[in-house]
Amino acid sequence: MMRIVLALVLLLAACAPPGALSYLPGGTPGGTVQRVFVATNRNLAPSDDPGLFEQGFGEARAPRLRYAWLDVSVPAVHRAGLIEWPGQPGSGGGFVVTDEARFDRAAEFLRAVEAAKRHPQDETVVFVHGYSTNNAKAVYRLAQIAHDFQLPVPVVAFSWPSSGLRRGYVYDRDSVIYSRDALEELLVTLTEGGHNVLLVGHSMGTQLVMETLRQMSIGGRGDVLARLNGVALISPDIDEDVFLRQAARIKPFPEPFAVLVSHHDRALNLSAWLTGKPVRLGSLTDLDALKGLPVQVIDLSDYSQGDRLGHMTAFTDPAAIEMLRAITPY
């Protein structure tokens, strides 16, 4: 039995292949540059390439946030839903970082985000990645999402200290708890700086989103919750009962609030098996439990392309991307 459990834990990742950020000042020929802002509570580790700010951020937890932006070149041969890693056949040079900037203070970061807006009233998208995601995957995934969804607004990757390893499920769950204060600090910084925020979480990152919203509500930060333009939980790896208890404490409850589910999410099905429950929130089939909550459920079960576990369909299935693009307010 123990061998079966360990094998299942190793399967509970639906992320891009392991990789690191690659730095190429000129970018890839014909590539499109996508700027990704980063707020991270990962610790800065020794790096073979100290000139690239983000290269040295690993799984170690840091007591404070660091801020930056990176310009990511998306290759001309890019296909919707994919991250083309440098060195892969047919990658056209792959996703590479062409430029970056670091910020010692949150105020400098805020000014840079504001300068990236096309219109002063534009919102800012904050993306909270999921389990088994190293910093490179967090940055490149958001670059891919912003590019494929043609987002005309600033995007911020909240890069929390996931181990980046499939065997690191428990470490990542602890890192979610550790990172609640850091995500709250980012949301407070952005909203007090005049930014309206669309908060998006994926997989285990949705647990971090919900815990942080609950914490802010209990802590009397309803002003921050009121500045959220919306929340989206994509393939949420959350127990249904836990979600309902979390939601009951969040006031005001952000709207619109979307939950993206799929009955064919094998990663969540395995997670549910390990926890002894029939389903996780992201694979929920009986929606009666969500009655009374101002929650919109978007079912992606009919979309089958993308990652093999069906856990990142919203980002990796071209048809799902087109459908979701049609209902986004941009």
Protein backbone atom coordinates (compact mmCIF):
# COMPACT_ATOMS: atom_id res chain seq x y z
CA MET A 1 0.00 0.00 0.00
CA MET A 2 2.79 2.46 0.89
CA ARG A 3 4.38 1.95 -2.53
CA ILE A 4 1.05 2.71 -4.21
CA VAL A 5 0.62 5.91 -2.19
CA LEU A 6 4.15 7.07 -3.02
CA ALA A 7 3.58 6.35 -6.71
CA LEU A 8 0.38 8.37 -6.67
CA VAL A 9 2.09 11.30 -4.97
CA LEU A 10 4.71 11.31 -7.72
CA LEU A 11 1.92 11.55 -10.28
CA LEU A 12 0.24 14.51 -8.60
CA ALA A 13 2.00 17.10 -10.76
CA ALA A 14 0.70 18.53 -14.01
CA CYS A 15 3.35 21.12 -14.65
CA ALA A 16 5.71 21.99 -17.48
CA PRO A 17 9.01 20.10 -17.75
CA PRO A 18 11.65 21.14 -15.21
CA GLY A 19 13.71 24.09 -16.34
CA ALA A 20 15.41 27.33 -15.47
CA LEU A 21 15.18 30.83 -16.80
CA SER A 22 17.39 31.47 -19.82
CA TYR A 23 18.81 34.93 -20.45
CA LEU A 24 19.21 36.16 -24.04
CA PRO A 25 19.33 39.98 -24.33
CA GLY A 26 18.31 40.04 -27.98
CA GLY A 27 15.46 37.57 -27.58
CA THR A 28 14.47 34.96 -30.15
CA PRO A 29 14.08 36.01 -33.80
CA GLY A 30 10.58 37.32 -34.38
CA GLY A 31 9.63 36.73 -30.76
CA THR A 32 6.94 38.70 -28.92
CA VAL A 33 8.01 40.27 -25.63
CA GLN A 34 5.71 39.81 -22.64
CA ARG A 35 6.49 41.64 -19.40
CA VAL A 36 5.88 39.68 -16.21
CA PHE A 37 6.05 41.38 -12.83
CA VAL A 38 7.17 39.19 -9.95
CA ALA A 39 6.55 39.35 -6.22
CA THR A 40 8.23 36.49 -4.40
CA ASN A 41 8.90 35.26 -0.89
CA ARG A 42 11.39 32.71 -2.18
CA ASN A 43 14.86 33.04 -0.75
CA LEU A 44 17.71 34.14 -2.99
CA ALA A 45 20.03 31.17 -3.31
CA PRO A 46 23.58 30.98 -4.73
CA SER A 47 23.47 30.99 -8.51
CA ASP A 48 25.87 30.28 -11.35
CA ASP A 49 24.41 33.32 -13.12
CA PRO A 50 24.25 36.11 -10.51
CA GLY A 51 23.56 38.66 -13.24
CA LEU A 52 20.03 37.34 -13.71
CA PHE A 53 17.93 38.37 -10.73
CA GLU A 54 15.39 35.58 -10.82
CA GLN A 55 17.72 32.70 -11.61
CA GLY A 56 18.73 32.18 -7.99
CA PHE A 57 15.28 31.92 -6.40
CA GLY A 58 14.57 28.41 -5.21
CA GLU A 59 12.39 26.59 -2.73
CA ALA A 60 13.75 28.16 0.46
CA ARG A 61 11.32 30.47 2.27
CA ALA A 62 12.16 34.13 2.76
CA PRO A 63 10.76 36.37 5.51
CA ARG A 64 10.16 39.30 3.15
CA LEU A 65 8.91 40.00 -0.36
CA ARG A 66 11.18 40.88 -3.25
CA TYR A 67 9.96 42.53 -6.42
CA ALA A 68 11.05 42.58 -10.05
CA TRP A 69 9.90 42.53 -13.64
CA LEU A 70 11.16 40.31 -16.43
CA ASP A 71 10.65 40.68 -20.16
CA VAL A 72 10.03 37.22 -21.63
CA SER A 73 10.42 36.63 -25.35
CA VAL A 74 7.76 34.23 -26.65
CA PRO A 75 9.12 32.59 -29.83
CA ALA A 76 7.50 33.19 -33.21
CA VAL A 77 6.78 29.42 -33.53
CA HIS A 78 4.83 29.44 -30.25
CA ARG A 79 1.68 27.34 -30.19
CA ALA A 80 -1.16 28.28 -27.84
CA GLY A 81 -1.03 26.41 -24.55
CA LEU A 82 2.64 25.48 -24.67
CA ILE A 83 5.80 26.68 -22.99
CA GLU A 84 8.57 26.14 -25.52
CA TRP A 85 11.67 25.52 -23.42
CA PRO A 86 15.04 26.50 -24.93
CA GLY A 87 16.81 23.54 -26.49
CA GLN A 88 13.66 21.59 -27.28
CA PRO A 89 13.31 20.53 -30.94
CA GLY A 90 11.17 23.01 -32.86
CA SER A 91 11.13 25.51 -29.99
CA GLY A 92 12.40 28.38 -32.14
CA GLY A 93 14.81 29.27 -29.38
CA GLY A 94 12.16 28.89 -26.69
CA PHE A 95 10.99 31.22 -23.95
CA VAL A 96 13.90 33.44 -22.88
CA VAL A 97 14.34 36.46 -20.64
CA THR A 98 15.54 39.50 -22.57
CA ASP A 99 15.66 42.08 -19.78
CA GLU A 100 14.87 42.51 -16.09
CA ALA A 101 14.70 45.07 -13.32
CA ARG A 102 14.83 44.73 -9.54
CA PHE A 103 13.14 46.86 -6.93
CA ASP A 104 14.43 47.50 -3.43
CA ARG A 105 11.14 49.02 -2.31
CA ALA A 106 7.48 48.23 -2.93
CA ALA A 107 6.88 51.85 -4.00
CA GLU A 108 9.23 51.41 -6.96
CA PHE A 109 7.44 48.22 -7.93
CA LEU A 110 4.07 50.00 -7.77
CA ARG A 111 5.28 52.78 -10.06
CA ALA A 112 6.50 50.23 -12.60
CA VAL A 113 3.17 48.38 -12.57
CA GLU A 114 1.31 51.67 -13.00
CA ALA A 115 3.55 52.63 -15.92
CA ALA A 116 2.71 49.33 -17.65
CA LYS A 117 -0.99 50.18 -17.81
CA ARG A 118 -2.47 51.37 -21.07
CA HIS A 119 -5.22 53.19 -19.22
CA PRO A 120 -5.23 54.40 -15.59
CA GLN A 121 -8.39 52.41 -14.81
CA ASP A 122 -6.92 49.10 -16.02
CA GLU A 123 -6.87 46.33 -13.44
CA THR A 124 -3.83 44.28 -12.44
CA VAL A 125 -3.88 40.48 -12.68
CA VAL A 126 -2.18 38.59 -9.84
CA PHE A 127 -1.50 34.92 -10.60
CA VAL A 128 -0.80 32.39 -7.83
CA HIS A 129 0.77 29.23 -9.23
CA GLY A 130 0.22 25.69 -8.00
CA TYR A 131 2.15 22.73 -6.62
CA SER A 132 5.52 21.54 -7.95
CA THR A 133 6.30 24.85 -9.64
CA ASN A 134 9.78 26.34 -9.56
CA ASN A 135 10.33 30.03 -10.18
CA ALA A 136 11.12 29.63 -13.88
CA LYS A 137 7.89 27.72 -14.48
CA ALA A 138 5.91 30.33 -12.53
CA VAL A 139 7.31 33.16 -14.68
CA TYR A 140 7.12 31.37 -18.03
CA ARG A 141 3.62 30.03 -17.35
CA LEU A 142 2.27 33.51 -16.66
CA ALA A 143 4.06 34.83 -19.76
CA GLN A 144 2.36 32.09 -21.79
CA ILE A 145 -1.04 32.82 -20.26
CA ALA A 146 -0.77 36.57 -20.79
CA HIS A 147 0.38 36.05 -24.38
CA ASP A 148 -2.24 33.44 -25.33
CA PHE A 149 -5.10 35.30 -23.64
CA GLN A 150 -3.85 38.58 -25.14
CA LEU A 151 -4.11 40.31 -21.78
CA PRO A 152 -3.68 44.07 -22.24
CA VAL A 153 -3.13 44.69 -18.51
CA PRO A 154 -0.16 44.24 -16.14
CA VAL A 155 0.33 40.69 -14.85
CA VAL A 156 2.03 39.82 -11.56
CA ALA A 157 3.32 36.36 -10.65
CA PHE A 158 3.13 35.72 -6.93
CA SER A 159 5.96 33.18 -6.80
CA TRP A 160 5.62 31.38 -3.48
CA PRO A 161 8.29 28.90 -2.33
CA SER A 162 7.16 25.66 -3.90
CA SER A 163 9.86 23.02 -3.92
CA GLY A 164 9.37 22.53 -7.67
CA LEU A 165 9.56 18.79 -7.05
CA ARG A 166 6.84 16.17 -7.40
CA ARG A 167 7.87 14.59 -4.11
CA GLY A 168 7.47 17.97 -2.38
CA TYR A 169 3.69 17.87 -1.90
CA VAL A 170 3.82 18.20 1.90
CA TYR A 171 6.54 20.88 1.75
CA ASP A 172 4.39 22.84 -0.69
CA ARG A 173 1.31 22.54 1.55
CA ASP A 174 3.34 23.99 4.41
CA SER A 175 4.66 26.73 2.12
CA VAL A 176 1.06 27.71 1.34
CA ILE A 177 0.44 28.36 5.03
CA TYR A 178 3.76 30.17 5.33
CA SER A 179 2.94 32.43 2.37
CA ARG A 180 -0.44 33.81 3.50
CA ASP A 181 1.08 36.94 5.04
CA ALA A 182 3.20 37.59 1.96
CA LEU A 183 0.25 37.35 -0.43
CA GLU A 184 -1.77 39.61 1.87
CA GLU A 185 1.11 42.11 1.86
CA LEU A 186 1.14 42.11 -1.95
CA LEU A 187 -2.63 42.63 -2.19
CA VAL A 188 -2.54 45.41 0.40
CA THR A 189 0.35 47.09 -1.42
CA LEU A 190 -1.43 46.98 -4.77
CA THR A 191 -4.87 48.07 -3.55
CA GLU A 192 -3.57 50.84 -1.31
CA GLY A 193 -1.54 51.96 -4.31
CA GLY A 194 -4.79 52.44 -6.24
CA HIS A 195 -4.80 49.19 -8.20
CA ASN A 196 -7.91 47.12 -8.78
CA VAL A 197 -6.86 43.48 -8.71
CA LEU A 198 -8.09 40.36 -10.48
CA LEU A 199 -6.82 37.47 -8.36
CA VAL A 200 -6.27 34.12 -10.10
CA GLY A 201 -5.11 30.92 -8.43
CA HIS A 202 -4.34 27.48 -9.82
CA SER A 203 -4.32 24.07 -8.11
CA MET A 204 -2.71 24.28 -4.65
CA GLY A 205 -2.36 28.02 -5.20
CA THR A 206 -6.13 28.31 -4.82
CA GLN A 207 -5.77 27.12 -1.22
CA LEU A 208 -3.35 29.99 -0.68
CA VAL A 209 -5.82 32.41 -2.28
CA MET A 210 -8.73 31.29 -0.08
CA GLU A 211 -6.70 31.21 3.13
CA THR A 212 -5.41 34.72 2.45
CA LEU A 213 -8.88 36.11 1.66
CA ARG A 214 -10.22 34.54 4.86
CA GLN A 215 -7.32 35.92 6.87
CA MET A 216 -7.84 39.44 5.51
CA SER A 217 -11.54 39.32 6.27
CA ILE A 218 -10.97 38.19 9.86
CA GLY A 219 -8.22 40.79 10.21
CA GLY A 220 -10.56 43.62 9.23
CA ARG A 221 -9.15 44.24 5.77
CA GLY A 222 -12.51 44.38 4.00
CA ASP A 223 -11.22 47.47 2.22
CA VAL A 224 -8.75 45.28 0.35
CA LEU A 225 -11.40 42.68 -0.49
CA ALA A 226 -13.61 45.45 -1.85
CA ARG A 227 -10.84 46.46 -4.29
CA LEU A 228 -10.71 43.02 -5.86
CA ASN A 229 -12.27 43.09 -9.31
CA GLY A 230 -12.80 39.35 -9.15
CA VAL A 231 -11.37 35.98 -8.17
CA ALA A 232 -10.86 32.87 -10.30
CA LEU A 233 -9.99 29.47 -8.85
CA ILE A 234 -8.70 27.16 -11.58
CA SER A 235 -8.61 23.41 -10.88
CA PRO A 236 -8.76 24.13 -7.13
CA ASP A 237 -7.07 21.48 -5.00
CA ILE A 238 -9.29 22.23 -2.00
CA ASP A 239 -11.54 20.01 0.08
CA GLU A 240 -15.17 20.96 -0.58
CA ASP A 241 -16.01 21.29 3.13
CA VAL A 242 -12.92 23.42 3.74
CA PHE A 243 -13.85 25.73 0.86
CA LEU A 244 -17.35 26.26 2.26
CA ARG A 245 -15.93 27.14 5.70
CA GLN A 246 -13.41 29.49 4.14
CA ALA A 247 -16.05 31.19 2.01
CA ALA A 248 -18.35 31.67 5.01
CA ARG A 249 -15.75 33.88 6.72
CA ILE A 250 -14.92 36.09 3.72
CA LYS A 251 -16.79 39.40 3.88
CA PRO A 252 -17.26 41.15 1.56
CA PHE A 253 -17.18 38.18 -0.78
CA PRO A 254 -15.39 39.20 -4.01
CA GLU A 255 -17.48 39.23 -7.17
CA PRO A 256 -17.36 37.95 -9.79
CA PHE A 257 -16.02 34.74 -8.34
CA ALA A 258 -15.38 31.86 -10.77
CA VAL A 259 -14.48 28.23 -10.09
CA LEU A 260 -13.16 26.26 -13.07
CA VAL A 261 -13.71 22.51 -12.76
CA SER A 262 -13.27 19.34 -14.78
CA HIS A 263 -14.53 15.82 -14.17
CA HIS A 264 -11.47 14.53 -16.02
CA ASP A 265 -8.82 16.11 -13.82
CA ARG A 266 -6.73 13.05 -12.98
CA ALA A 267 -4.43 14.99 -10.66
CA LEU A 268 -7.36 16.07 -8.49
CA ASN A 269 -8.89 12.61 -8.63
CA LEU A 270 -5.65 11.20 -7.23
CA SER A 271 -5.52 13.94 -4.60
CA ALA A 272 -9.09 13.08 -3.58
CA TRP A 273 -8.19 9.40 -3.29
CA LEU A 274 -5.23 10.22 -1.05
CA THR A 275 -7.40 12.36 1.24
CA GLY A 276 -10.16 9.77 1.46
CA LYS A 277 -12.78 12.03 -0.14
CA PRO A 278 -14.62 11.32 -3.40
CA VAL A 279 -13.75 14.63 -5.10
CA ARG A 280 -11.85 17.87 -4.68
CA LEU A 281 -13.46 21.24 -5.39
CA GLY A 282 -11.93 21.34 -8.87
CA SER A 283 -13.55 18.03 -9.85
CA LEU A 284 -16.89 18.63 -8.14
CA THR A 285 -19.90 17.12 -9.91
CA ASP A 286 -22.68 17.95 -7.42
CA LEU A 287 -22.95 21.73 -7.43
CA ASP A 288 -25.76 21.89 -4.86
CA ALA A 289 -23.14 22.40 -2.15
CA LEU A 290 -22.28 25.78 -3.68
CA LYS A 291 -25.84 27.06 -3.69
CA GLY A 292 -26.17 30.33 -1.86
CA LEU A 293 -22.67 31.44 -2.80
CA PRO A 294 -22.22 34.03 -5.56
CA VAL A 295 -19.97 31.63 -7.44
CA GLN A 296 -19.93 30.97 -11.18
CA VAL A 297 -18.85 27.42 -12.06
CA ILE A 298 -17.19 26.94 -15.45
CA ASP A 299 -17.03 23.29 -16.52
CA LEU A 300 -14.03 22.38 -18.69
CA SER A 301 -14.83 18.66 -18.82
CA ASP A 302 -15.50 18.76 -22.56
CA TYR A 303 -11.98 20.00 -23.29
CA SER A 304 -9.40 17.25 -23.55
CA GLN A 305 -6.25 18.73 -25.07
CA GLY A 306 -3.26 20.04 -23.17
CA ASP A 307 -1.52 18.30 -20.29
CA ARG A 308 -2.01 14.57 -19.92
CA LEU A 309 -3.57 14.81 -16.45
CA GLY A 310 -6.18 17.39 -17.44
CA HIS A 311 -5.07 19.64 -14.57
CA MET A 312 -4.01 22.68 -16.59
CA THR A 313 -6.66 22.55 -19.31
CA ALA A 314 -7.58 26.22 -18.86
CA PHE A 315 -4.03 27.19 -19.90
CA THR A 316 -3.00 24.41 -22.25
CA ASP A 317 -6.04 23.48 -24.38
CA PRO A 318 -6.27 25.92 -27.32
CA ALA A 319 -10.05 25.52 -27.55
CA ALA A 320 -10.47 26.18 -23.84
CA ILE A 321 -8.24 29.23 -24.14
CA GLU A 322 -10.42 30.58 -26.95
CA MET A 323 -13.60 29.94 -24.96
CA LEU A 324 -12.25 31.64 -21.84
CA ARG A 325 -10.88 34.55 -23.86
CA ALA A 326 -14.40 35.15 -25.19
CA ILE A 327 -15.75 35.66 -21.67
CA THR A 328 -12.89 37.75 -20.26
CA PRO A 329 -13.58 41.48 -20.02
CA TYR A 330 -10.70 42.57 -22.27
